[in-house]
């Protein structure tokens, strides 16, 4: 969802082939996130190295194709997409943002695990073609860099608003969007804040906004084993079960509900609708 509030990324996705099928696009993005978190990610029997190389090739194809799109060239403020700077903005929207949220939720993270998480993303960035000199060497450096290159560029675009709405509606295959859309909208508001949610035209929800604001931190504490839920009211246990179900269904939807295995392919054209 944050990518839809990054203007250059939102335009690149919207006018490239990925914008024509956001279900497929988010599945491939989820694959990278899934592969980097697997136990054998960068080992010979892992998939992360191949996923990085394929993603890098896709980026190369998009750099070649998008400048040929009259729609992208009219909206874009750069001549060639997915530059080193663009990739660093996207990089910070992933590990840096995740770590900031974990710290904000007071999740206890051993120093070795924190360093390993950073290292895994440094390696991923390297394999995706980011020059090593730009990759932060510590979380302090990552946070400082994100304040310089990510936070200032966040802004709304017509393309980003449309992409955000598409993403919020992807859960319609589960329940027709009755619950998934407002819950995902409220989660976005909670994770990214009122300003970005407003940019993306995500309406306030009088039920889910306050519930998630109040109950998500304890939910994280329960999942981390820091809070005992056995004596909690039945209604609270049911709500936390719903949170778990959203996460589980999301994984099923994005990672196993489509092509198996998920195939990252080099695009040969831009969005055919634009």
Protein backbone atom coordinates (compact mmCIF):
# COMPACT_ATOMS: atom_id res chain seq x y z
CA UNK A 1 0.00 0.00 0.00
CA UNK A 2 2.87 2.39 0.70
CA UNK A 3 4.03 1.95 -2.90
CA UNK A 4 0.81 3.59 -4.07
CA UNK A 5 1.86 6.75 -2.19
CA UNK A 6 5.30 6.81 -3.86
CA UNK A 7 4.60 8.83 -7.05
CA UNK A 8 7.33 7.44 -9.31
CA UNK A 9 6.63 3.87 -8.26
CA UNK A 10 2.85 4.25 -8.57
CA UNK A 11 3.18 5.63 -12.11
CA UNK A 12 5.68 2.96 -13.13
CA UNK A 13 3.42 0.18 -11.90
CA UNK A 14 0.22 1.67 -13.29
CA UNK A 15 1.44 2.20 -16.86
CA UNK A 16 3.60 -0.93 -17.09
CA UNK A 17 2.25 -4.41 -17.76
CA UNK A 18 1.86 -5.03 -14.02
CA UNK A 19 -0.79 -2.33 -13.80
CA UNK A 20 -3.09 -4.31 -16.09
CA UNK A 21 -3.30 -7.21 -13.62
CA UNK A 22 -2.65 -6.10 -10.05
CA UNK A 23 -3.55 -9.53 -8.73
CA UNK A 24 -0.62 -11.00 -10.64
CA UNK A 25 1.58 -8.00 -9.80
CA UNK A 26 1.03 -8.24 -6.03
CA UNK A 27 1.52 -12.01 -6.15
CA UNK A 28 5.00 -11.55 -7.59
CA UNK A 29 5.82 -8.83 -5.08
CA UNK A 30 4.65 -11.12 -2.30
CA UNK A 31 6.87 -13.87 -3.67
CA UNK A 32 9.96 -11.73 -3.14
CA UNK A 33 8.86 -10.96 0.42
CA UNK A 34 8.10 -14.63 1.03
CA UNK A 35 11.36 -15.91 -0.47
CA UNK A 36 13.58 -13.55 1.53
CA UNK A 37 11.96 -14.77 4.74
CA UNK A 38 12.43 -18.46 4.05
CA UNK A 39 15.01 -20.42 6.03
CA UNK A 40 17.12 -21.26 2.98
CA UNK A 41 16.58 -17.94 1.18
CA UNK A 42 20.05 -17.42 -0.30
CA UNK A 43 21.26 -21.00 -0.11
CA UNK A 44 21.51 -23.25 -3.20
CA UNK A 45 18.12 -24.82 -2.53
CA UNK A 46 16.46 -21.47 -1.78
CA UNK A 47 14.65 -19.29 -4.32
CA UNK A 48 15.71 -15.77 -3.38
CA UNK A 49 18.71 -15.55 -5.70
CA UNK A 50 16.62 -16.54 -8.74
CA UNK A 51 13.79 -14.24 -7.64
CA UNK A 52 16.21 -11.29 -7.36
CA UNK A 53 17.77 -11.97 -10.77
CA UNK A 54 14.35 -12.31 -12.43
CA UNK A 55 13.10 -9.14 -10.73
CA UNK A 56 16.22 -7.30 -11.90
CA UNK A 57 15.54 -8.44 -15.46
CA UNK A 58 11.92 -7.25 -15.16
CA UNK A 59 13.20 -3.85 -14.01
CA UNK A 60 15.48 -3.72 -17.05
CA UNK A 61 12.56 -4.50 -19.34
CA UNK A 62 10.40 -1.83 -17.72
CA UNK A 63 13.20 0.72 -18.11
CA UNK A 64 13.23 -0.10 -21.82
CA UNK A 65 9.45 -0.21 -22.34
CA UNK A 66 7.96 2.57 -20.22
CA UNK A 67 9.68 5.46 -22.02
CA UNK A 68 7.81 4.26 -25.12
CA UNK A 69 4.45 4.76 -23.38
CA UNK A 70 2.94 8.18 -24.20
CA UNK A 71 0.79 7.91 -21.06
CA UNK A 72 3.78 7.36 -18.77
CA UNK A 73 5.95 10.01 -20.44
CA UNK A 74 3.15 12.55 -20.06
CA UNK A 75 2.73 11.83 -16.33
CA UNK A 76 6.33 11.04 -15.31
CA UNK A 77 8.93 13.55 -14.18
CA UNK A 78 11.88 11.36 -15.21
CA UNK A 79 13.08 9.99 -18.53
CA UNK A 80 14.02 6.49 -17.36
CA UNK A 81 12.16 4.72 -14.52
CA UNK A 82 13.53 2.61 -11.66
CA UNK A 83 16.75 4.53 -11.11
CA UNK A 84 19.16 3.88 -8.23
CA UNK A 85 17.31 6.55 -6.26
CA UNK A 86 13.93 4.98 -7.08
CA UNK A 87 15.11 1.56 -5.93
CA UNK A 88 16.41 2.97 -2.65
CA UNK A 89 13.05 4.62 -2.00
CA UNK A 90 11.37 1.26 -2.56
CA UNK A 91 14.02 -0.48 -0.44
CA UNK A 92 13.21 1.76 2.53
CA UNK A 93 9.47 1.21 2.05
CA UNK A 94 10.17 -2.46 2.83
CA UNK A 95 12.77 -3.36 5.53
CA UNK A 96 13.15 0.09 7.10
CA UNK A 97 9.39 0.55 7.37
CA UNK A 98 8.92 -2.97 8.72
CA UNK A 99 11.61 -2.51 11.36
CA UNK A 100 10.17 0.86 12.38
CA UNK A 101 6.79 -0.75 12.93
CA UNK A 102 8.24 -3.66 14.91
CA UNK A 103 10.12 -1.23 17.14
CA UNK A 104 7.00 0.90 17.50
CA UNK A 105 5.02 -2.16 18.56
CA UNK A 106 7.74 -2.96 21.13
CA UNK A 107 8.45 -6.38 19.64
CA UNK A 108 11.56 -7.77 21.36
CA UNK A 109 14.15 -8.45 18.66
CA UNK A 110 17.54 -9.97 19.59
CA UNK A 111 20.46 -7.95 18.23
CA UNK A 112 21.66 -10.87 16.11
CA UNK A 113 18.25 -11.21 14.45
CA UNK A 114 18.04 -7.48 13.82
CA UNK A 115 21.47 -7.52 12.16
CA UNK A 116 20.55 -10.63 10.14
CA UNK A 117 17.32 -9.01 8.91
CA UNK A 118 19.29 -5.97 7.74
CA UNK A 119 21.93 -8.15 6.10
CA UNK A 120 19.32 -10.15 4.19
CA UNK A 121 17.92 -6.94 2.69
CA UNK A 122 21.38 -5.54 2.00
CA UNK A 123 22.10 -8.69 0.02
CA UNK A 124 18.73 -8.48 -1.76
CA UNK A 125 19.40 -4.85 -2.68
CA UNK A 126 22.82 -5.79 -4.02
CA UNK A 127 21.34 -8.58 -6.16
CA UNK A 128 18.61 -6.24 -7.43
CA UNK A 129 21.33 -3.94 -8.76
CA UNK A 130 21.55 -1.26 -6.07
CA UNK A 131 25.11 -0.03 -5.74
CA UNK A 132 26.59 -1.07 -2.39
CA UNK A 133 27.59 2.50 -1.50
CA UNK A 134 23.91 3.45 -1.23
CA UNK A 135 22.84 0.56 1.02
CA UNK A 136 22.74 1.54 4.71
CA UNK A 137 25.19 -0.24 6.99
CA UNK A 138 23.07 0.00 10.16
CA UNK A 139 19.48 0.60 11.20
CA UNK A 140 20.41 4.09 12.43
CA UNK A 141 21.79 4.85 8.98
CA UNK A 142 18.70 3.29 7.38
CA UNK A 143 16.35 5.45 9.43
CA UNK A 144 18.36 8.58 8.68
CA UNK A 145 18.44 7.76 4.97
CA UNK A 146 14.71 7.00 4.87
CA UNK A 147 14.01 10.42 6.38
CA UNK A 148 15.94 11.92 3.47
CA UNK A 149 14.80 9.83 0.50
CA UNK A 150 11.47 8.17 1.39
CA UNK A 151 9.39 10.40 3.66
CA UNK A 152 9.81 13.62 1.60
CA UNK A 153 8.70 12.01 -1.67
CA UNK A 154 5.47 10.43 -0.39
CA UNK A 155 2.53 12.10 -2.11
CA UNK A 156 -0.78 11.31 -3.81
CA UNK A 157 -1.17 10.72 -7.54
CA UNK A 158 -4.24 9.76 -9.61
CA UNK A 159 -2.45 6.51 -10.48
CA UNK A 160 -1.68 5.76 -6.83
CA UNK A 161 -5.29 6.33 -5.77
CA UNK A 162 -6.52 3.90 -8.42
CA UNK A 163 -3.91 1.28 -7.49
CA UNK A 164 -4.77 1.57 -3.80
CA UNK A 165 -8.44 0.96 -4.54
CA UNK A 166 -7.56 -2.09 -6.64
CA UNK A 167 -5.41 -3.49 -3.81
CA UNK A 168 -8.12 -2.93 -1.21
CA UNK A 169 -10.58 -4.82 -3.40
CA UNK A 170 -8.36 -7.87 -3.96
CA UNK A 171 -9.94 -9.52 -0.92
CA UNK A 172 -13.31 -9.55 -2.68
CA UNK A 173 -12.64 -13.15 -3.73
CA UNK A 174 -12.81 -14.08 -0.04
CA UNK A 175 -15.98 -12.29 1.06
CA UNK A 176 -17.05 -9.98 -1.74
CA UNK A 177 -15.21 -7.15 0.00
CA UNK A 178 -17.82 -6.87 2.76
CA UNK A 179 -15.28 -7.15 5.56
CA UNK A 180 -11.88 -7.37 3.90
CA UNK A 181 -12.02 -3.95 2.22
CA UNK A 182 -12.87 -1.88 5.32
CA UNK A 183 -10.51 -3.92 7.50
CA UNK A 184 -7.63 -3.57 5.05
CA UNK A 185 -8.44 0.13 4.75
CA UNK A 186 -8.32 0.56 8.51
CA UNK A 187 -5.09 -1.43 8.73
CA UNK A 188 -3.59 0.87 6.09
CA UNK A 189 -4.69 3.92 8.07
CA UNK A 190 -3.17 2.45 11.24
CA UNK A 191 0.13 1.43 9.59
CA UNK A 192 0.70 4.48 7.37
CA UNK A 193 -1.22 7.23 9.19
CA UNK A 194 -4.18 9.50 8.50
CA UNK A 195 -2.39 11.70 5.98
CA UNK A 196 -1.44 8.90 3.58
CA UNK A 197 -4.84 7.23 4.03
CA UNK A 198 -6.41 10.55 3.10
CA UNK A 199 -4.20 10.86 0.03
CA UNK A 200 -5.33 7.41 -1.09
CA UNK A 201 -8.98 8.36 -0.51
CA UNK A 202 -9.49 5.54 2.00
CA UNK A 203 -12.67 6.40 3.91
CA UNK A 204 -12.72 6.39 7.68
CA UNK A 205 -14.52 3.41 9.18
CA UNK A 206 -16.32 4.10 12.50
CA UNK A 207 -16.07 0.43 13.53
CA UNK A 208 -12.68 -0.87 12.38
CA UNK A 209 -10.55 2.29 12.73
CA UNK A 210 -10.88 2.52 16.54
CA UNK A 211 -10.85 -1.27 16.99
CA UNK A 212 -7.56 -1.71 15.17
CA UNK A 213 -6.04 1.38 16.80
CA UNK A 214 -6.88 -0.03 20.23
CA UNK A 215 -6.47 -3.76 19.77
CA UNK A 216 -3.65 -4.24 17.27
CA UNK A 217 -0.79 -3.56 19.76
CA UNK A 218 -2.13 -6.13 22.26
CA UNK A 219 -2.71 -8.54 19.35
CA UNK A 220 0.97 -8.27 18.44
CA UNK A 221 1.87 -8.83 22.11
CA UNK A 222 -0.27 -11.97 22.12
CA UNK A 223 1.40 -13.27 18.96
CA UNK A 224 4.82 -12.58 20.49
CA UNK A 225 3.90 -14.48 23.67
CA UNK A 226 4.09 -11.33 25.77
CA UNK A 227 0.41 -11.32 26.73
CA UNK A 228 -1.77 -14.19 27.95
CA UNK A 229 -5.13 -14.27 26.17
CA UNK A 230 -6.59 -17.30 27.91
CA UNK A 231 -8.50 -15.19 30.44
CA UNK A 232 -9.62 -12.53 27.96
CA UNK A 233 -13.31 -12.09 27.11
CA UNK A 234 -14.68 -14.38 24.42
CA UNK A 235 -15.41 -11.42 22.12
CA UNK A 236 -11.76 -10.32 22.24
CA UNK A 237 -10.52 -13.82 21.47
CA UNK A 238 -12.89 -13.97 18.49
CA UNK A 239 -11.64 -10.61 17.20
CA UNK A 240 -8.02 -11.75 17.42
CA UNK A 241 -8.99 -14.93 15.61
CA UNK A 242 -10.39 -12.66 12.85
CA UNK A 243 -7.06 -10.80 12.64
CA UNK A 244 -5.24 -14.11 12.29
CA UNK A 245 -7.69 -15.23 9.64
CA UNK A 246 -7.14 -12.09 7.58
CA UNK A 247 -3.39 -12.71 7.64
CA UNK A 248 -3.82 -16.39 6.83
CA UNK A 249 -6.30 -15.78 4.03
CA UNK A 250 -4.08 -13.04 2.66
CA UNK A 251 -1.17 -15.44 2.43
CA UNK A 252 -3.37 -18.04 0.77
CA UNK A 253 -4.81 -15.48 -1.63
CA UNK A 254 -1.53 -14.00 -2.74
CA UNK A 255 0.83 -16.96 -2.51
CA UNK A 256 -1.22 -20.01 -3.39
CA UNK A 257 -4.42 -18.78 -4.96
CA UNK A 258 -2.94 -18.22 -8.38
CA UNK A 259 -0.26 -19.86 -10.51
CA UNK A 260 1.73 -22.57 -8.78
CA UNK A 261 4.60 -22.04 -8.79
CA UNK A 262 4.47 -18.26 -9.12
CA UNK A 263 6.44 -17.32 -12.22
CA UNK A 264 8.20 -13.98 -12.64
CA UNK A 265 8.32 -13.27 -16.36
CA UNK A 266 9.97 -10.50 -18.36
CA UNK A 267 7.28 -8.16 -19.76
CA UNK A 268 7.22 -7.54 -23.50
CA UNK A 269 4.77 -4.64 -23.49
CA UNK A 270 3.31 -1.92 -21.30
CA UNK A 271 -0.20 -1.81 -19.82
CA UNK A 272 -2.38 -2.56 -22.87
CA UNK A 273 -5.14 -0.34 -21.46
CA UNK A 274 -2.80 2.68 -21.64
